Amino acid sequence: METVIRYLLVFCFGGLLCLPAQILICKTKLTPARILTGYVVTGVILGAAGIYGKLTRLFGSGASVPLTGFGASLAEGVREAVDAKGLPGALTGGFSAMSAGLCAAILLSVVCAALFNSKRRK
């Protein structure tokens, strides 16, 4: 029973993160790209402040999978690299922390582009 409650908590938190974006899409003229950027920046700010790590420990993948989790991971990578390498780590830390995810996204994009044809709009 405890596992079911945990899954529900993770699912609800992930949905709660998505709710503001859906409201912004429906009620404003903000583009999805601007909303996406806002979510990543929010994750960076919360990650740099040390808040997002606590959310990830509490809500697991419900917090780490959305775009805010990506931003928090970038902030954590930069923090670790700056601690290890000094100021130059600020330029490389985010890429080091997210290199596997970025490579997977690029690779899957290329595979999907090769397998599927886009349809032209008329």
PDB file of N, CA and C in Angstrom:
ATOM      1  N   MET A   1       0.818  -1.194   0.000  1.00  0.00           N
ATOM      2  CA  MET A   1       0.000   0.000   0.000  1.00  0.00           C
ATOM      3  C   MET A   1       0.865   1.263   0.000  1.00  0.00           C
ATOM      4  N   GLU A   2       2.007   1.188   0.709  1.00  0.00           N
ATOM      5  CA  GLU A   2       2.892   2.341   0.762  1.00  0.00           C
ATOM      6  C   GLU A   2       3.431   2.683  -0.624  1.00  0.00           C
ATOM      7  N   THR A   3       3.704   1.667  -1.440  1.00  0.00           N
ATOM      8  CA  THR A   3       4.206   1.885  -2.794  1.00  0.00           C
ATOM      9  C   THR A   3       3.167   2.590  -3.650  1.00  0.00           C
ATOM     10  N   VAL A   4       1.915   2.204  -3.516  1.00  0.00           N
ATOM     11  CA  VAL A   4       0.843   2.828  -4.292  1.00  0.00           C
ATOM     12  C   VAL A   4       0.721   4.300  -3.925  1.00  0.00           C
ATOM     13  N   ILE A   5       0.797   4.605  -2.651  1.00  0.00           N
ATOM     14  CA  ILE A   5       0.717   5.997  -2.203  1.00  0.00           C
ATOM     15  C   ILE A   5       1.899   6.790  -2.744  1.00  0.00           C
ATOM     16  N   ARG A   6       3.069   6.178  -2.739  1.00  0.00           N
ATOM     17  CA  ARG A   6       4.268   6.846  -3.277  1.00  0.00           C
ATOM     18  C   ARG A   6       4.097   7.155  -4.758  1.00  0.00           C
ATOM     19  N   TYR A   7       3.605   6.186  -5.530  1.00  0.00           N
ATOM     20  CA  TYR A   7       3.381   6.417  -6.962  1.00  0.00           C
ATOM     21  C   TYR A   7       2.356   7.524  -7.184  1.00  0.00           C
ATOM     22  N   LEU A   8       1.309   7.548  -6.412  1.00  0.00           N
ATOM     23  CA  LEU A   8       0.296   8.597  -6.539  1.00  0.00           C
ATOM     24  C   LEU A   8       0.883   9.962  -6.213  1.00  0.00           C
ATOM     25  N   LEU A   9       1.717  10.045  -5.193  1.00  0.00           N
ATOM     26  CA  LEU A   9       2.356  11.287  -4.814  1.00  0.00           C
ATOM     27  C   LEU A   9       3.266  11.801  -5.933  1.00  0.00           C
ATOM     28  N   VAL A  10       4.053  10.897  -6.499  1.00  0.00           N
ATOM     29  CA  VAL A  10       4.950  11.256  -7.604  1.00  0.00           C
ATOM     30  C   VAL A  10       4.137  11.732  -8.805  1.00  0.00           C
ATOM     31  N   PHE A  11       3.098  11.000  -9.159  1.00  0.00           N
ATOM     32  CA  PHE A  11       2.249  11.341 -10.295  1.00  0.00           C
ATOM     33  C   PHE A  11       1.568  12.692 -10.087  1.00  0.00           C
ATOM     34  N   CYS A  12       1.028  12.922  -8.909  1.00  0.00           N
ATOM     35  CA  CYS A  12       0.328  14.181  -8.625  1.00  0.00           C
ATOM     36  C   CYS A  12       1.283  15.370  -8.637  1.00  0.00           C
ATOM     37  N   PHE A  13       2.492  15.194  -8.118  1.00  0.00           N
ATOM     38  CA  PHE A  13       3.440  16.306  -8.137  1.00  0.00           C
ATOM     39  C   PHE A  13       3.852  16.642  -9.562  1.00  0.00           C
ATOM     40  N   GLY A  14       4.107  15.629 -10.378  1.00  0.00           N
ATOM     41  CA  GLY A  14       4.433  15.874 -11.787  1.00  0.00           C
ATOM     42  C   GLY A  14       3.297  16.599 -12.500  1.00  0.00           C
ATOM     43  N   GLY A  15       2.072  16.191 -12.230  1.00  0.00           N
ATOM     44  CA  GLY A  15       0.919  16.867 -12.818  1.00  0.00           C
ATOM     45  C   GLY A  15       0.773  18.286 -12.315  1.00  0.00           C
ATOM     46  N   LEU A  16       1.091  18.500 -11.048  1.00  0.00           N
ATOM     47  CA  LEU A  16       1.020  19.836 -10.470  1.00  0.00           C
ATOM     48  C   LEU A  16       2.039  20.767 -11.118  1.00  0.00           C
ATOM     49  N   LEU A  17       3.196  20.231 -11.491  1.00  0.00           N
ATOM     50  CA  LEU A  17       4.184  21.030 -12.204  1.00  0.00           C
ATOM     51  C   LEU A  17       3.698  21.399 -13.608  1.00  0.00           C
ATOM     52  N   CYS A  18       2.946  20.510 -14.234  1.00  0.00           N
ATOM     53  CA  CYS A  18       2.472  20.752 -15.595  1.00  0.00           C
ATOM     54  C   CYS A  18       1.260  21.678 -15.647  1.00  0.00           C
ATOM     55  N   LEU A  19       0.519  21.771 -14.567  1.00  0.00           N
ATOM     56  CA  LEU A  19      -0.706  22.564 -14.534  1.00  0.00           C
ATOM     57  C   LEU A  19      -0.487  24.033 -14.890  1.00  0.00           C
ATOM     58  N   PRO A  20       0.488  24.732 -14.304  1.00  0.00           N
ATOM     59  CA  PRO A  20       0.670  26.140 -14.681  1.00  0.00           C
ATOM     60  C   PRO A  20       0.987  26.320 -16.166  1.00  0.00           C
ATOM     61  N   ALA A  21       1.762  25.397 -16.732  1.00  0.00           N
ATOM     62  CA  ALA A  21       2.083  25.499 -18.156  1.00  0.00           C
ATOM     63  C   ALA A  21       0.829  25.368 -19.008  1.00  0.00           C
ATOM     64  N   GLN A  22      -0.039  24.450 -18.652  1.00  0.00           N
ATOM     65  CA  GLN A  22      -1.273  24.272 -19.414  1.00  0.00           C
ATOM     66  C   GLN A  22      -2.163  25.506 -19.295  1.00  0.00           C
ATOM     67  N   ILE A  23      -2.216  26.091 -18.124  1.00  0.00           N
ATOM     68  CA  ILE A  23      -3.000  27.319 -17.939  1.00  0.00           C
ATOM     69  C   ILE A  23      -2.411  28.452 -18.777  1.00  0.00           C
ATOM     70  N   LEU A  24      -1.086  28.569 -18.785  1.00  0.00           N
ATOM     71  CA  LEU A  24      -0.443  29.601 -19.599  1.00  0.00           C
ATOM     72  C   LEU A  24      -0.711  29.391 -21.082  1.00  0.00           C
ATOM     73  N   ILE A  25      -0.690  28.147 -21.535  1.00  0.00           N
ATOM     74  CA  ILE A  25      -0.962  27.862 -22.943  1.00  0.00           C
ATOM     75  C   ILE A  25      -2.397  28.246 -23.297  1.00  0.00           C
ATOM     76  N   CYS A  26      -3.340  27.917 -22.420  1.00  0.00           N
ATOM     77  CA  CYS A  26      -4.758  28.157 -22.706  1.00  0.00           C
ATOM     78  C   CYS A  26      -5.170  29.612 -22.525  1.00  0.00           C
ATOM     79  N   LYS A  27      -4.601  30.306 -21.575  1.00  0.00           N
ATOM     80  CA  LYS A  27      -5.091  31.632 -21.203  1.00  0.00           C
ATOM     81  C   LYS A  27      -4.237  32.799 -21.679  1.00  0.00           C
ATOM     82  N   THR A  28      -3.051  32.535 -22.180  1.00  0.00           N
ATOM     83  CA  THR A  28      -2.183  33.624 -22.637  1.00  0.00           C
ATOM     84  C   THR A  28      -1.744  33.356 -24.069  1.00  0.00           C
ATOM     85  N   LYS A  29      -1.028  34.311 -24.613  1.00  0.00           N
ATOM     86  CA  LYS A  29      -0.492  34.151 -25.963  1.00  0.00           C
ATOM     87  C   LYS A  29       0.987  33.767 -25.926  1.00  0.00           C
ATOM     88  N   LEU A  30       1.447  33.295 -24.756  1.00  0.00           N
ATOM     89  CA  LEU A  30       2.834  32.831 -24.660  1.00  0.00           C
ATOM     90  C   LEU A  30       3.028  31.603 -25.535  1.00  0.00           C
ATOM     91  N   THR A  31       4.156  31.572 -26.215  1.00  0.00           N
ATOM     92  CA  THR A  31       4.452  30.404 -27.042  1.00  0.00           C
ATOM     93  C   THR A  31       4.961  29.268 -26.151  1.00  0.00           C
ATOM     94  N   PRO A  32       4.802  28.030 -26.598  1.00  0.00           N
ATOM     95  CA  PRO A  32       5.350  26.910 -25.817  1.00  0.00           C
ATOM     96  C   PRO A  32       6.849  27.044 -25.567  1.00  0.00           C
ATOM     97  N   ALA A  33       7.585  27.635 -26.506  1.00  0.00           N
ATOM     98  CA  ALA A  33       9.028  27.803 -26.311  1.00  0.00           C
ATOM     99  C   ALA A  33       9.320  28.730 -25.141  1.00  0.00           C
ATOM    100  N   ARG A  34       8.537  29.776 -24.979  1.00  0.00           N
ATOM    101  CA  ARG A  34       8.750  30.698 -23.856  1.00  0.00           C
ATOM    102  C   ARG A  34       8.390  30.023 -22.533  1.00  0.00           C
ATOM    103  N   ILE A  35       7.346  29.244 -22.548  1.00  0.00           N
ATOM    104  CA  ILE A  35       6.949  28.527 -21.330  1.00  0.00           C
ATOM    105  C   ILE A  35       8.015  27.503 -20.960  1.00  0.00           C
ATOM    106  N   LEU A  36       8.518  26.786 -21.954  1.00  0.00           N
ATOM    107  CA  LEU A  36       9.592  25.811 -21.736  1.00  0.00           C
ATOM    108  C   LEU A  36      10.805  26.490 -21.116  1.00  0.00           C
ATOM    109  N   THR A  37      11.193  27.620 -21.675  1.00  0.00           N
ATOM    110  CA  THR A  37      12.342  28.354 -21.155  1.00  0.00           C
ATOM    111  C   THR A  37      12.093  28.808 -19.726  1.00  0.00           C
ATOM    112  N   GLY A  38      10.890  29.272 -19.448  1.00  0.00           N
ATOM    113  CA  GLY A  38      10.545  29.680 -18.087  1.00  0.00           C
ATOM    114  C   GLY A  38      10.660  28.540 -17.094  1.00  0.00           C
ATOM    115  N   TYR A  39      10.250  27.353 -17.519  1.00  0.00           N
ATOM    116  CA  TYR A  39      10.349  26.183 -16.637  1.00  0.00           C
ATOM    117  C   TYR A  39      11.800  25.810 -16.367  1.00  0.00           C
ATOM    118  N   VAL A  40      12.634  25.854 -17.397  1.00  0.00           N
ATOM    119  CA  VAL A  40      14.048  25.512 -17.200  1.00  0.00           C
ATOM    120  C   VAL A  40      14.713  26.539 -16.286  1.00  0.00           C
ATOM    121  N   VAL A  41      14.430  27.818 -16.512  1.00  0.00           N
ATOM    122  CA  VAL A  41      15.021  28.867 -15.675  1.00  0.00           C
ATOM    123  C   VAL A  41      14.532  28.739 -14.233  1.00  0.00           C
ATOM    124  N   THR A  42      13.254  28.426 -14.047  1.00  0.00           N
ATOM    125  CA  THR A  42      12.730  28.212 -12.698  1.00  0.00           C
ATOM    126  C   THR A  42      13.466  27.062 -12.012  1.00  0.00           C
ATOM    127  N   GLY A  43      13.703  25.985 -12.764  1.00  0.00           N
ATOM    128  CA  GLY A  43      14.453  24.853 -12.214  1.00  0.00           C
ATOM    129  C   GLY A  43      15.869  25.231 -11.845  1.00  0.00           C
ATOM    130  N   VAL A  44      16.506  26.071 -12.685  1.00  0.00           N
ATOM    131  CA  VAL A  44      17.868  26.522 -12.379  1.00  0.00           C
ATOM    132  C   VAL A  44      17.872  27.334 -11.085  1.00  0.00           C
ATOM    133  N   ILE A  45      16.910  28.242 -10.958  1.00  0.00           N
ATOM    134  CA  ILE A  45      16.851  29.082  -9.759  1.00  0.00           C
ATOM    135  C   ILE A  45      16.587  28.236  -8.508  1.00  0.00           C
ATOM    136  N   LEU A  46      15.606  27.337  -8.594  1.00  0.00           N
ATOM    137  CA  LEU A  46      15.302  26.482  -7.441  1.00  0.00           C
ATOM    138  C   LEU A  46      16.451  25.524  -7.127  1.00  0.00           C
ATOM    139  N   GLY A  47      17.124  25.047  -8.168  1.00  0.00           N
ATOM    140  CA  GLY A  47      18.271  24.165  -7.956  1.00  0.00           C
ATOM    141  C   GLY A  47      19.439  24.898  -7.321  1.00  0.00           C
ATOM    142  N   ALA A  48      19.703  26.120  -7.780  1.00  0.00           N
ATOM    143  CA  ALA A  48      20.799  26.907  -7.215  1.00  0.00           C
ATOM    144  C   ALA A  48      20.516  27.290  -5.767  1.00  0.00           C
ATOM    145  N   ALA A  49      19.247  27.472  -5.449  1.00  0.00           N
ATOM    146  CA  ALA A  49      18.869  27.826  -4.077  1.00  0.00           C
ATOM    147  C   ALA A  49      18.842  26.613  -3.152  1.00  0.00           C
ATOM    148  N   GLY A  50      18.979  25.412  -3.725  1.00  0.00           N
ATOM    149  CA  GLY A  50      18.976  24.199  -2.915  1.00  0.00           C
ATOM    150  C   GLY A  50      17.587  23.656  -2.613  1.00  0.00           C
ATOM    151  N   ILE A  51      16.576  24.246  -3.197  1.00  0.00           N
ATOM    152  CA  ILE A  51      15.197  23.829  -2.937  1.00  0.00           C
ATOM    153  C   ILE A  51      14.822  22.611  -3.774  1.00  0.00           C
ATOM    154  N   TYR A  52      15.273  22.581  -5.029  1.00  0.00           N
ATOM    155  CA  TYR A  52      14.824  21.525  -5.926  1.00  0.00           C
ATOM    156  C   TYR A  52      15.362  20.150  -5.545  1.00  0.00           C
ATOM    157  N   GLY A  53      16.531  20.103  -4.947  1.00  0.00           N
ATOM    158  CA  GLY A  53      17.070  18.828  -4.485  1.00  0.00           C
ATOM    159  C   GLY A  53      16.168  18.186  -3.443  1.00  0.00           C
ATOM    160  N   LYS A  54      15.612  18.999  -2.575  1.00  0.00           N
ATOM    161  CA  LYS A  54      14.686  18.484  -1.556  1.00  0.00           C
ATOM    162  C   LYS A  54      13.403  17.978  -2.204  1.00  0.00           C
ATOM    163  N   LEU A  55      12.926  18.696  -3.217  1.00  0.00           N
ATOM    164  CA  LEU A  55      11.723  18.243  -3.937  1.00  0.00           C
ATOM    165  C   LEU A  55      11.979  16.922  -4.654  1.00  0.00           C
ATOM    166  N   THR A  56      13.159  16.777  -5.235  1.00  0.00           N
ATOM    167  CA  THR A  56      13.498  15.537  -5.936  1.00  0.00           C
ATOM    168  C   THR A  56      13.590  14.364  -4.967  1.00  0.00           C
ATOM    169  N   ARG A  57      14.157  14.603  -3.796  1.00  0.00           N
ATOM    170  CA  ARG A  57      14.219  13.521  -2.806  1.00  0.00           C
ATOM    171  C   ARG A  57      12.828  13.124  -2.328  1.00  0.00           C
ATOM    172  N   LEU A  58      11.937  14.083  -2.218  1.00  0.00           N
ATOM    173  CA  LEU A  58      10.593  13.818  -1.728  1.00  0.00           C
ATOM    174  C   LEU A  58       9.686  13.215  -2.807  1.00  0.00           C
ATOM    175  N   PHE A  59       9.758  13.760  -4.027  1.00  0.00           N
ATOM    176  CA  PHE A  59       8.827  13.355  -5.084  1.00  0.00           C
ATOM    177  C   PHE A  59       9.461  12.536  -6.200  1.00  0.00           C
ATOM    178  N   GLY A  60      10.732  12.228  -6.106  1.00  0.00           N
ATOM    179  CA  GLY A  60      11.395  11.359  -7.075  1.00  0.00           C
ATOM    180  C   GLY A  60      11.265  11.842  -8.506  1.00  0.00           C
ATOM    181  N   SER A  61      10.882  10.933  -9.391  1.00  0.00           N
ATOM    182  CA  SER A  61      10.813  11.264 -10.810  1.00  0.00           C
ATOM    183  C   SER A  61       9.701  12.256 -11.124  1.00  0.00           C
ATOM    184  N   GLY A  62       8.753  12.443 -10.231  1.00  0.00           N
ATOM    185  CA  GLY A  62       7.738  13.465 -10.429  1.00  0.00           C
ATOM    186  C   GLY A  62       8.343  14.853 -10.461  1.00  0.00           C
ATOM    187  N   ALA A  63       9.500  15.014  -9.819  1.00  0.00           N
ATOM    188  CA  ALA A  63      10.206  16.293  -9.820  1.00  0.00           C
ATOM    189  C   ALA A  63      11.392  16.296 -10.772  1.00  0.00           C
ATOM    190  N   SER A  64      12.048  15.162 -10.964  1.00  0.00           N
ATOM    191  CA  SER A  64      13.280  15.152 -11.755  1.00  0.00           C
ATOM    192  C   SER A  64      13.046  15.049 -13.258  1.00  0.00           C
ATOM    193  N   VAL A  65      11.929  14.505 -13.690  1.00  0.00           N
ATOM    194  CA  VAL A  65      11.693  14.305 -15.118  1.00  0.00           C
ATOM    195  C   VAL A  65      11.239  15.574 -15.842  1.00  0.00           C
ATOM    196  N   PRO A  66      10.364  16.415 -15.284  1.00  0.00           N
ATOM    197  CA  PRO A  66       9.931  17.607 -16.020  1.00  0.00           C
ATOM    198  C   PRO A  66      11.070  18.584 -16.289  1.00  0.00           C
ATOM    199  N   LEU A  67      10.797  19.603 -17.057  1.00  0.00           N
ATOM    200  CA  LEU A  67      11.811  20.577 -17.456  1.00  0.00           C
ATOM    201  C   LEU A  67      12.447  21.290 -16.277  1.00  0.00           C
ATOM    202  N   THR A  68      11.713  21.467 -15.212  1.00  0.00           N
ATOM    203  CA  THR A  68      12.301  22.087 -14.030  1.00  0.00           C
ATOM    204  C   THR A  68      13.425  21.218 -13.468  1.00  0.00           C
ATOM    205  N   GLY A  69      13.280  19.912 -13.571  1.00  0.00           N
ATOM    206  CA  GLY A  69      14.336  18.998 -13.143  1.00  0.00           C
ATOM    207  C   GLY A  69      15.577  19.129 -14.006  1.00  0.00           C
ATOM    208  N   PHE A  70      15.376  19.373 -15.301  1.00  0.00           N
ATOM    209  CA  PHE A  70      16.509  19.604 -16.209  1.00  0.00           C
ATOM    210  C   PHE A  70      17.267  20.851 -15.773  1.00  0.00           C
ATOM    211  N   GLY A  71      16.537  21.914 -15.484  1.00  0.00           N
ATOM    212  CA  GLY A  71      17.174  23.151 -15.040  1.00  0.00           C
ATOM    213  C   GLY A  71      17.910  22.975 -13.723  1.00  0.00           C
ATOM    214  N   ALA A  72      17.297  22.247 -12.795  1.00  0.00           N
ATOM    215  CA  ALA A  72      17.944  22.006 -11.507  1.00  0.00           C
ATOM    216  C   ALA A  72      19.212  21.179 -11.677  1.00  0.00           C
ATOM    217  N   SER A  73      19.190  20.221 -12.590  1.00  0.00           N
ATOM    218  CA  SER A  73      20.392  19.419 -12.852  1.00  0.00           C
ATOM    219  C   SER A  73      21.500  20.269 -13.463  1.00  0.00           C
ATOM    220  N   LEU A  74      21.126  21.208 -14.322  1.00  0.00           N
ATOM    221  CA  LEU A  74      22.124  22.128 -14.877  1.00  0.00           C
ATOM    222  C   LEU A  74      22.779  22.943 -13.761  1.00  0.00           C
ATOM    223  N   ALA A  75      21.957  23.467 -12.865  1.00  0.00           N
ATOM    224  CA  ALA A  75      22.491  24.269 -11.754  1.00  0.00           C
ATOM    225  C   ALA A  75      23.402  23.435 -10.864  1.00  0.00           C
ATOM    226  N   GLU A  76      23.014  22.207 -10.593  1.00  0.00           N
ATOM    227  CA  GLU A  76      23.836  21.323  -9.758  1.00  0.00           C
ATOM    228  C   GLU A  76      25.169  21.013 -10.434  1.00  0.00           C
ATOM    229  N   GLY A  77      25.136  20.771 -11.738  1.00  0.00           N
ATOM    230  CA  GLY A  77      26.372  20.511 -12.476  1.00  0.00           C
ATOM    231  C   GLY A  77      27.309  21.704 -12.461  1.00  0.00           C
ATOM    232  N   VAL A  78      26.753  22.895 -12.621  1.00  0.00           N
ATOM    233  CA  VAL A  78      27.570  24.108 -12.582  1.00  0.00           C
ATOM    234  C   VAL A  78      28.160  24.288 -11.188  1.00  0.00           C
ATOM    235  N   ARG A  79      27.365  24.077 -10.155  1.00  0.00           N
ATOM    236  CA  ARG A  79      27.857  24.235  -8.789  1.00  0.00           C
ATOM    237  C   ARG A  79      29.015  23.280  -8.500  1.00  0.00           C
ATOM    238  N   GLU A  80      28.849  22.024  -8.894  1.00  0.00           N
ATOM    239  CA  GLU A  80      29.912  21.034  -8.668  1.00  0.00           C
ATOM    240  C   GLU A  80      31.175  21.375  -9.449  1.00  0.00           C
ATOM    241  N   ALA A  81      31.018  21.812 -10.697  1.00  0.00           N
ATOM    242  CA  ALA A  81      32.186  22.144 -11.515  1.00  0.00           C
ATOM    243  C   ALA A  81      32.896  23.381 -10.997  1.00  0.00           C
ATOM    244  N   VAL A  82      32.153  24.365 -10.511  1.00  0.00           N
ATOM    245  CA  VAL A  82      32.781  25.563  -9.944  1.00  0.00           C
ATOM    246  C   VAL A  82      33.530  25.195  -8.673  1.00  0.00           C
ATOM    247  N   ASP A  83      32.966  24.313  -7.862  1.00  0.00           N
ATOM    248  CA  ASP A  83      33.671  23.863  -6.653  1.00  0.00           C
ATOM    249  C   ASP A  83      34.970  23.140  -6.999  1.00  0.00           C
ATOM    250  N   ALA A  84      34.949  22.361  -8.087  1.00  0.00           N
ATOM    251  CA  ALA A  84      36.115  21.564  -8.462  1.00  0.00           C
ATOM    252  C   ALA A  84      37.145  22.350  -9.279  1.00  0.00           C
ATOM    253  N   LYS A  85      36.670  23.199 -10.218  1.00  0.00           N
ATOM    254  CA  LYS A  85      37.579  23.842 -11.177  1.00  0.00           C
ATOM    255  C   LYS A  85      37.642  25.353 -11.053  1.00  0.00           C
ATOM    256  N   GLY A  86      36.851  25.924 -10.190  1.00  0.00           N
ATOM    257  CA  GLY A  86      36.808  27.377 -10.099  1.00  0.00           C
ATOM    258  C   GLY A  86      35.862  27.958 -11.138  1.00  0.00           C
ATOM    259  N   LEU A  87      36.058  29.219 -11.469  1.00  0.00           N
ATOM    260  CA  LEU A  87      35.166  29.928 -12.374  1.00  0.00           C
ATOM    261  C   LEU A  87      35.014  29.284 -13.760  1.00  0.00           C
ATOM    262  N   PRO A  88      36.067  28.702 -14.351  1.00  0.00           N
ATOM    263  CA  PRO A  88      35.858  28.045 -15.653  1.00  0.00           C
ATOM    264  C   PRO A  88      34.822  26.906 -15.610  1.00  0.00           C
ATOM    265  N   GLY A  89      34.596  26.346 -14.432  1.00  0.00           N
ATOM    266  CA  GLY A  89      33.593  25.299 -14.291  1.00  0.00           C
ATOM    267  C   GLY A  89      32.187  25.792 -14.561  1.00  0.00           C
ATOM    268  N   ALA A  90      31.975  27.099 -14.442  1.00  0.00           N
ATOM    269  CA  ALA A  90      30.648  27.670 -14.726  1.00  0.00           C
ATOM    270  C   ALA A  90      30.288  27.511 -16.194  1.00  0.00           C
ATOM    271  N   LEU A  91      31.286  27.440 -17.056  1.00  0.00           N
ATOM    272  CA  LEU A  91      31.039  27.295 -18.488  1.00  0.00           C
ATOM    273  C   LEU A  91      30.835  25.847 -18.917  1.00  0.00           C
ATOM    274  N   THR A  92      31.399  24.913 -18.170  1.00  0.00           N
ATOM    275  CA  THR A  92      31.362  23.514 -18.587  1.00  0.00           C
ATOM    276  C   THR A  92      30.490  22.616 -17.718  1.00  0.00           C
ATOM    277  N   GLY A  93      30.191  23.042 -16.508  1.00  0.00           N
ATOM    278  CA  GLY A  93      29.499  22.175 -15.550  1.00  0.00           C
ATOM    279  C   GLY A  93      28.118  21.726 -15.995  1.00  0.00           C
ATOM    280  N   GLY A  94      27.347  22.629 -16.577  1.00  0.00           N
ATOM    281  CA  GLY A  94      25.998  22.270 -17.023  1.00  0.00           C
ATOM    282  C   GLY A  94      26.029  21.233 -18.127  1.00  0.00           C
ATOM    283  N   PHE A  95      26.973  21.395 -19.065  1.00  0.00           N
ATOM    284  CA  PHE A  95      27.079  20.429 -20.156  1.00  0.00           C
ATOM    285  C   PHE A  95      27.543  19.066 -19.662  1.00  0.00           C
ATOM    286  N   SER A  96      28.467  19.068 -18.715  1.00  0.00           N
ATOM    287  CA  SER A  96      28.935  17.796 -18.161  1.00  0.00           C
ATOM    288  C   SER A  96      27.821  17.057 -17.436  1.00  0.00           C
ATOM    289  N   ALA A  97      27.025  17.805 -16.677  1.00  0.00           N
ATOM    290  CA  ALA A  97      25.952  17.175 -15.899  1.00  0.00           C
ATOM    291  C   ALA A  97      24.844  16.617 -16.784  1.00  0.00           C
ATOM    292  N   MET A  98      24.580  17.272 -17.887  1.00  0.00           N
ATOM    293  CA  MET A  98      23.446  16.875 -18.724  1.00  0.00           C
ATOM    294  C   MET A  98      23.857  16.249 -20.048  1.00  0.00           C
ATOM    295  N   SER A  99      25.120  15.873 -20.200  1.00  0.00           N
ATOM    296  CA  SER A  99      25.612  15.368 -21.482  1.00  0.00           C
ATOM    297  C   SER A  99      24.884  14.108 -21.942  1.00  0.00           C
ATOM    298  N   ALA A 100      24.608  13.188 -21.050  1.00  0.00           N
ATOM    299  CA  ALA A 100      23.924  11.952 -21.454  1.00  0.00           C
ATOM    300  C   ALA A 100      22.503  12.248 -21.939  1.00  0.00           C
ATOM    301  N   GLY A 101      21.791  13.099 -21.221  1.00  0.00           N
ATOM    302  CA  GLY A 101      20.427  13.451 -21.627  1.00  0.00           C
ATOM    303  C   GLY A 101      20.392  14.210 -22.933  1.00  0.00           C
ATOM    304  N   LEU A 102      21.327  15.135 -23.109  1.00  0.00           N
ATOM    305  CA  LEU A 102      21.378  15.898 -24.361  1.00  0.00           C
ATOM    306  C   LEU A 102      21.746  15.002 -25.540  1.00  0.00           C
ATOM    307  N   CYS A 103      22.701  14.108 -25.341  1.00  0.00           N
ATOM    308  CA  CYS A 103      23.080  13.179 -26.415  1.00  0.00           C
ATOM    309  C   CYS A 103      21.919  12.267 -26.787  1.00  0.00           C
ATOM    310  N   ALA A 104      21.198  11.777 -25.795  1.00  0.00           N
ATOM    311  CA  ALA A 104      20.044  10.918 -26.074  1.00  0.00           C
ATOM    312  C   ALA A 104      18.979  11.682 -26.851  1.00  0.00           C
ATOM    313  N   ALA A 105      18.723  12.933 -26.473  1.00  0.00           N
ATOM    314  CA  ALA A 105      17.718  13.734 -27.170  1.00  0.00           C
ATOM    315  C   ALA A 105      18.117  13.989 -28.610  1.00  0.00           C
ATOM    316  N   ILE A 106      19.383  14.310 -28.841  1.00  0.00           N
ATOM    317  CA  ILE A 106      19.852  14.560 -30.205  1.00  0.00           C
ATOM    318  C   ILE A 106      19.800  13.283 -31.028  1.00  0.00           C
ATOM    319  N   LEU A 107      20.273  12.185 -30.466  1.00  0.00           N
ATOM    320  CA  LEU A 107      20.269  10.916 -31.186  1.00  0.00           C
ATOM    321  C   LEU A 107      18.844  10.480 -31.544  1.00  0.00           C
ATOM    322  N   LEU A 108      17.935  10.557 -30.596  1.00  0.00           N
ATOM    323  CA  LEU A 108      16.557  10.161 -30.873  1.00  0.00           C
ATOM    324  C   LEU A 108      15.893  11.103 -31.875  1.00  0.00           C
ATOM    325  N   SER A 109      16.249  12.376 -31.860  1.00  0.00           N
ATOM    326  CA  SER A 109      15.719  13.309 -32.853  1.00  0.00           C
ATOM    327  C   SER A 109      16.175  12.938 -34.252  1.00  0.00           C
ATOM    328  N   VAL A 110      17.440  12.573 -34.388  1.00  0.00           N
ATOM    329  CA  VAL A 110      17.963  12.171 -35.697  1.00  0.00           C
ATOM    330  C   VAL A 110      17.285  10.887 -36.165  1.00  0.00           C
ATOM    331  N   VAL A 111      17.119   9.920 -35.258  1.00  0.00           N
ATOM    332  CA  VAL A 111      16.458   8.659 -35.616  1.00  0.00           C
ATOM    333  C   VAL A 111      15.014   8.911 -36.056  1.00  0.00           C
ATOM    334  N   CYS A 112      14.292   9.724 -35.311  1.00  0.00           N
ATOM    335  CA  CYS A 112      12.899  10.023 -35.671  1.00  0.00           C
ATOM    336  C   CYS A 112      12.818  10.775 -36.991  1.00  0.00           C
ATOM    337  N   ALA A 113      13.748  11.703 -37.229  1.00  0.00           N
ATOM    338  CA  ALA A 113      13.761  12.438 -38.492  1.00  0.00           C
ATOM    339  C   ALA A 113      14.038  11.507 -39.664  1.00  0.00           C
ATOM    340  N   ALA A 114      14.873  10.491 -39.438  1.00  0.00           N
ATOM    341  CA  ALA A 114      15.186   9.550 -40.506  1.00  0.00           C
ATOM    342  C   ALA A 114      14.030   8.585 -40.770  1.00  0.00           C
ATOM    343  N   LEU A 115      13.276   8.240 -39.738  1.00  0.00           N
ATOM    344  CA  LEU A 115      12.208   7.251 -39.893  1.00  0.00           C
ATOM    345  C   LEU A 115      10.877   7.830 -40.355  1.00  0.00           C
ATOM    346  N   PHE A 116      10.605   9.081 -40.024  1.00  0.00           N
ATOM    347  CA  PHE A 116       9.284   9.647 -40.298  1.00  0.00           C
ATOM    348  C   PHE A 116       9.403  10.876 -41.204  1.00  0.00           C
ATOM    349  N   ASN A 117       8.402  11.033 -42.078  1.00  0.00           N
ATOM    350  CA  ASN A 117       8.349  12.189 -42.958  1.00  0.00           C
ATOM    351  C   ASN A 117       7.419  13.232 -42.371  1.00  0.00           C
ATOM    352  N   SER A 118       7.843  14.475 -42.437  1.00  0.00           N
ATOM    353  CA  SER A 118       6.945  15.541 -41.978  1.00  0.00           C
ATOM    354  C   SER A 118       5.979  15.876 -43.113  1.00  0.00           C
ATOM    355  N   LYS A 119       4.826  16.378 -42.747  1.00  0.00           N
ATOM    356  CA  LYS A 119       3.834  16.761 -43.741  1.00  0.00           C
ATOM    357  C   LYS A 119       3.868  18.275 -43.896  1.00  0.00           C
ATOM    358  N   ARG A 120       3.810  18.705 -45.124  1.00  0.00           N
ATOM    359  CA  ARG A 120       3.817  20.136 -45.392  1.00  0.00           C
ATOM    360  C   ARG A 120       2.442  20.725 -45.109  1.00  0.00           C
ATOM    361  N   ARG A 121       2.463  21.926 -44.579  1.00  0.00           N
ATOM    362  CA  ARG A 121       1.205  22.641 -44.358  1.00  0.00           C
ATOM    363  C   ARG A 121       0.816  23.366 -45.627  1.00  0.00           C
ATOM    364  N   LYS A 122      -0.470  23.414 -45.875  1.00  0.00           N
ATOM    365  CA  LYS A 122      -0.945  24.118 -47.071  1.00  0.00           C
ATOM    366  C   LYS A 122      -1.450  25.488 -46.734  1.00  0.00           C
TER     367      LYS A 122
END
